[in-house]
Amino acid sequence: MLTVERSDIHAWLYDDAGDEETLEAKGHARGHFGQFVRGEPVDDCDFMKRVQDRRLLPWSILHGVWAISPRFRPQYRYFGLFVTRDWFVVLNKDSRDLLEQSDGWHAQIDRSLDLWHELFPGQLPFVPDSLHEFMRNAEKCDDSW
């Protein structure tokens, strides 16, 4: 299951505003999400990736934030956390180009966790140790964890 929690993300994905390139990217993103929803194989490198918090030494992924990564122009990353196995909640998005500026990846970790705690007070996100505990349909290709 995949839930798009923030109404502004859902509205953006389904509105017809934007140039032809943006409209095409929105359609590709919806199709990309559909792979997860249908239970098709997804990987932890190109399809979606755990976001690394490099403010910590050694860096950490224990916060549980992931980024779904459609590779269509313009590129956006959709950030969220798992509620339980096979259920991901998309909480926010950002342009891939802007993420490299002024610590954008870390800002999205913090924003995702803040939104999670607003939506699910007192509930921790689902953060198991292995990829297959997150998703049954996962293909492991990221060797960094």
C-alpha atoms as a PDB file:
ATOM      1  CA  MET A   1       0.000   0.000   0.000  1.00  0.00           C
ATOM      2  CA  LEU A   2       1.070   3.555  -0.623  1.00  0.00           C
ATOM      3  CA  THR A   3      -0.562   6.571   0.979  1.00  0.00           C
ATOM      4  CA  VAL A   4       0.051  10.111  -0.227  1.00  0.00           C
ATOM      5  CA  GLU A   5      -0.695  11.934   3.007  1.00  0.00           C
ATOM      6  CA  ARG A   6      -0.066  15.563   2.165  1.00  0.00           C
ATOM      7  CA  SER A   7      -3.015  16.894   0.168  1.00  0.00           C
ATOM      8  CA  ASP A   8      -0.764  19.336  -1.687  1.00  0.00           C
ATOM      9  CA  ILE A   9       1.328  16.460  -3.088  1.00  0.00           C
ATOM     10  CA  HIS A  10      -1.768  14.543  -4.182  1.00  0.00           C
ATOM     11  CA  ALA A  11      -3.272  17.664  -5.771  1.00  0.00           C
ATOM     12  CA  TRP A  12       0.008  18.441  -7.544  1.00  0.00           C
ATOM     13  CA  LEU A  13       0.285  14.896  -8.913  1.00  0.00           C
ATOM     14  CA  TYR A  14      -3.235  15.012 -10.360  1.00  0.00           C
ATOM     15  CA  ASP A  15      -3.697  18.616 -11.463  1.00  0.00           C
ATOM     16  CA  ASP A  16      -3.163  19.645 -15.063  1.00  0.00           C
ATOM     17  CA  ALA A  17      -1.004  22.686 -14.277  1.00  0.00           C
ATOM     18  CA  GLY A  18       2.523  22.969 -15.609  1.00  0.00           C
ATOM     19  CA  ASP A  19       4.409  22.751 -18.837  1.00  0.00           C
ATOM     20  CA  GLU A  20       4.449  19.598 -20.957  1.00  0.00           C
ATOM     21  CA  GLU A  21       7.617  18.296 -19.309  1.00  0.00           C
ATOM     22  CA  THR A  22       6.170  18.718 -15.794  1.00  0.00           C
ATOM     23  CA  LEU A  23       2.866  17.089 -16.762  1.00  0.00           C
ATOM     24  CA  GLU A  24       4.768  14.139 -18.206  1.00  0.00           C
ATOM     25  CA  ALA A  25       6.886  13.860 -15.037  1.00  0.00           C
ATOM     26  CA  LYS A  26       3.711  13.819 -12.901  1.00  0.00           C
ATOM     27  CA  GLY A  27       2.293  10.973 -14.987  1.00  0.00           C
ATOM     28  CA  HIS A  28       5.534   9.039 -14.749  1.00  0.00           C
ATOM     29  CA  ALA A  29       5.581   9.548 -10.958  1.00  0.00           C
ATOM     30  CA  ARG A  30       2.038   8.151 -10.665  1.00  0.00           C
ATOM     31  CA  GLY A  31       3.112   5.152 -12.750  1.00  0.00           C
ATOM     32  CA  HIS A  32       6.232   4.746 -10.625  1.00  0.00           C
ATOM     33  CA  PHE A  33       4.107   4.697  -7.455  1.00  0.00           C
ATOM     34  CA  GLY A  34       1.869   2.119  -9.138  1.00  0.00           C
ATOM     35  CA  GLN A  35       4.741  -0.376  -9.303  1.00  0.00           C
ATOM     36  CA  PHE A  36       4.919  -0.324  -5.505  1.00  0.00           C
ATOM     37  CA  VAL A  37       1.136  -0.551  -5.093  1.00  0.00           C
ATOM     38  CA  ARG A  38       0.786  -3.482  -7.498  1.00  0.00           C
ATOM     39  CA  GLY A  39       3.545  -5.366  -5.667  1.00  0.00           C
ATOM     40  CA  GLU A  40       5.878  -5.385  -8.643  1.00  0.00           C
ATOM     41  CA  PRO A  41       9.587  -5.744  -7.909  1.00  0.00           C
ATOM     42  CA  VAL A  42      11.213  -2.556  -6.641  1.00  0.00           C
ATOM     43  CA  ASP A  43      14.807  -2.016  -5.637  1.00  0.00           C
ATOM     44  CA  ASP A  44      16.524  -0.039  -2.914  1.00  0.00           C
ATOM     45  CA  CYS A  45      18.849   1.779  -5.283  1.00  0.00           C
ATOM     46  CA  ASP A  46      16.978   3.198  -8.280  1.00  0.00           C
ATOM     47  CA  PHE A  47      13.317   2.828  -7.299  1.00  0.00           C
ATOM     48  CA  MET A  48      13.575   4.087  -3.722  1.00  0.00           C
ATOM     49  CA  LYS A  49      16.415   4.596  -1.302  1.00  0.00           C
ATOM     50  CA  ARG A  50      16.999   5.084   2.391  1.00  0.00           C
ATOM     51  CA  VAL A  51      18.092   8.679   2.971  1.00  0.00           C
ATOM     52  CA  GLN A  52      21.429   8.987   4.720  1.00  0.00           C
ATOM     53  CA  ASP A  53      21.831  11.447   7.562  1.00  0.00           C
ATOM     54  CA  ARG A  54      25.416  12.572   7.040  1.00  0.00           C
ATOM     55  CA  ARG A  55      25.226  15.046   9.912  1.00  0.00           C
ATOM     56  CA  LEU A  56      26.054  12.067  12.110  1.00  0.00           C
ATOM     57  CA  LEU A  57      29.405  10.328  12.182  1.00  0.00           C
ATOM     58  CA  PRO A  58      29.137   7.596  11.197  1.00  0.00           C
ATOM     59  CA  TRP A  59      26.176   8.499   8.987  1.00  0.00           C
ATOM     60  CA  SER A  60      22.835   6.964   9.862  1.00  0.00           C
ATOM     61  CA  ILE A  61      19.683   5.605   8.244  1.00  0.00           C
ATOM     62  CA  LEU A  62      18.060   4.659  11.531  1.00  0.00           C
ATOM     63  CA  HIS A  63      15.546   7.536  11.296  1.00  0.00           C
ATOM     64  CA  GLY A  64      13.662   5.462   8.696  1.00  0.00           C
ATOM     65  CA  VAL A  65      13.150   8.125   5.998  1.00  0.00           C
ATOM     66  CA  TRP A  66      13.106   6.871   2.405  1.00  0.00           C
ATOM     67  CA  ALA A  67      12.964   8.719  -0.926  1.00  0.00           C
ATOM     68  CA  ILE A  68      11.019   7.336  -3.876  1.00  0.00           C
ATOM     69  CA  SER A  69      13.018   8.349  -6.930  1.00  0.00           C
ATOM     70  CA  PRO A  70      11.268   8.536 -10.318  1.00  0.00           C
ATOM     71  CA  ARG A  71      14.008   9.285 -12.856  1.00  0.00           C
ATOM     72  CA  PHE A  72      11.998  11.479 -15.223  1.00  0.00           C
ATOM     73  CA  ARG A  73      12.638  15.171 -15.966  1.00  0.00           C
ATOM     74  CA  PRO A  74      12.078  17.283 -14.054  1.00  0.00           C
ATOM     75  CA  GLN A  75      13.095  14.976 -11.214  1.00  0.00           C
ATOM     76  CA  TYR A  76      11.350  15.038  -7.861  1.00  0.00           C
ATOM     77  CA  ARG A  77      11.994  12.946  -4.781  1.00  0.00           C
ATOM     78  CA  TYR A  78       9.046  11.863  -2.646  1.00  0.00           C
ATOM     79  CA  PHE A  79       9.947  11.392   1.017  1.00  0.00           C
ATOM     80  CA  GLY A  80       8.207   9.300   3.618  1.00  0.00           C
ATOM     81  CA  LEU A  81       8.294   6.428   6.057  1.00  0.00           C
ATOM     82  CA  PHE A  82       6.904   2.932   6.415  1.00  0.00           C
ATOM     83  CA  VAL A  83       3.887   2.380   8.665  1.00  0.00           C
ATOM     84  CA  THR A  84       4.376  -1.382   8.557  1.00  0.00           C
ATOM     85  CA  ARG A  85       5.693  -3.916   6.075  1.00  0.00           C
ATOM     86  CA  ASP A  86       4.606  -3.057   2.521  1.00  0.00           C
ATOM     87  CA  TRP A  87       2.867   0.203   3.517  1.00  0.00           C
ATOM     88  CA  PHE A  88       4.657   3.460   2.720  1.00  0.00           C
ATOM     89  CA  VAL A  89       3.379   6.960   3.497  1.00  0.00           C
ATOM     90  CA  VAL A  90       4.560   9.764   1.201  1.00  0.00           C
ATOM     91  CA  LEU A  91       4.821  12.895   3.344  1.00  0.00           C
ATOM     92  CA  ASN A  92       6.612  15.513   1.220  1.00  0.00           C
ATOM     93  CA  LYS A  93       8.448  16.092  -2.031  1.00  0.00           C
ATOM     94  CA  ASP A  94      11.252  18.248  -3.340  1.00  0.00           C
ATOM     95  CA  SER A  95      12.921  18.940  -6.643  1.00  0.00           C
ATOM     96  CA  ARG A  96      16.029  16.810  -7.125  1.00  0.00           C
ATOM     97  CA  ASP A  97      17.905  19.904  -8.313  1.00  0.00           C
ATOM     98  CA  LEU A  98      17.142  21.791  -5.087  1.00  0.00           C
ATOM     99  CA  LEU A  99      18.134  18.954  -2.761  1.00  0.00           C
ATOM    100  CA  GLU A 100      21.841  19.536  -3.318  1.00  0.00           C
ATOM    101  CA  GLN A 101      21.520  23.164  -2.277  1.00  0.00           C
ATOM    102  CA  SER A 102      21.790  24.221   1.367  1.00  0.00           C
ATOM    103  CA  ASP A 103      21.551  20.776   2.963  1.00  0.00           C
ATOM    104  CA  GLY A 104      18.224  19.877   1.334  1.00  0.00           C
ATOM    105  CA  TRP A 105      18.472  16.134   2.015  1.00  0.00           C
ATOM    106  CA  HIS A 106      18.823  16.699   5.751  1.00  0.00           C
ATOM    107  CA  ALA A 107      16.000  19.235   5.714  1.00  0.00           C
ATOM    108  CA  GLN A 108      13.747  16.587   4.156  1.00  0.00           C
ATOM    109  CA  ILE A 109      14.696  14.055   6.838  1.00  0.00           C
ATOM    110  CA  ASP A 110      13.697  16.559   9.521  1.00  0.00           C
ATOM    111  CA  ARG A 111      10.538  17.614   7.690  1.00  0.00           C
ATOM    112  CA  SER A 112       9.458  14.004   7.143  1.00  0.00           C
ATOM    113  CA  LEU A 113       9.941  13.138  10.799  1.00  0.00           C
ATOM    114  CA  ASP A 114       8.077  16.289  11.920  1.00  0.00           C
ATOM    115  CA  LEU A 115       5.137  15.435   9.620  1.00  0.00           C
ATOM    116  CA  TRP A 116       5.164  11.830  10.835  1.00  0.00           C
ATOM    117  CA  HIS A 117       4.931  12.942  14.474  1.00  0.00           C
ATOM    118  CA  GLU A 118       2.116  15.383  13.633  1.00  0.00           C
ATOM    119  CA  LEU A 119       0.128  12.624  11.921  1.00  0.00           C
ATOM    120  CA  PHE A 120       0.968   9.770  14.295  1.00  0.00           C
ATOM    121  CA  PRO A 121       1.674  11.258  17.743  1.00  0.00           C
ATOM    122  CA  GLY A 122       3.526   8.837  19.978  1.00  0.00           C
ATOM    123  CA  GLN A 123       3.899   6.219  17.190  1.00  0.00           C
ATOM    124  CA  LEU A 124       7.320   5.287  15.881  1.00  0.00           C
ATOM    125  CA  PRO A 125       7.799   4.585  12.179  1.00  0.00           C
ATOM    126  CA  PHE A 126       8.458   1.011  11.092  1.00  0.00           C
ATOM    127  CA  VAL A 127      12.260   0.655  10.841  1.00  0.00           C
ATOM    128  CA  PRO A 128      13.380  -2.991  10.691  1.00  0.00           C
ATOM    129  CA  ASP A 129      16.920  -4.161   9.972  1.00  0.00           C
ATOM    130  CA  SER A 130      16.633  -5.694   6.494  1.00  0.00           C
ATOM    131  CA  LEU A 131      15.126  -4.657   3.178  1.00  0.00           C
ATOM    132  CA  HIS A 132      12.812  -7.675   2.979  1.00  0.00           C
ATOM    133  CA  GLU A 133      11.329  -6.743   6.338  1.00  0.00           C
ATOM    134  CA  PHE A 134      10.300  -3.407   4.760  1.00  0.00           C
ATOM    135  CA  MET A 135       8.937  -4.843   1.486  1.00  0.00           C
ATOM    136  CA  ARG A 136       8.142  -8.335   0.248  1.00  0.00           C
ATOM    137  CA  ASN A 137       8.716  -7.304  -3.373  1.00  0.00           C
ATOM    138  CA  ALA A 138      12.139  -5.760  -2.773  1.00  0.00           C
ATOM    139  CA  GLU A 139      15.282  -6.399  -4.772  1.00  0.00           C
ATOM    140  CA  LYS A 140      18.469  -5.562  -2.867  1.00  0.00           C
ATOM    141  CA  CYS A 141      21.018  -3.574  -4.858  1.00  0.00           C
ATOM    142  CA  ASP A 142      22.252  -0.850  -2.475  1.00  0.00           C
ATOM    143  CA  ASP A 143      25.283  -2.302  -0.730  1.00  0.00           C
ATOM    144  CA  SER A 144      25.707   0.681   1.623  1.00  0.00           C
ATOM    145  CA  TRP A 145      23.428  -0.881   4.273  1.00  0.00           C
END
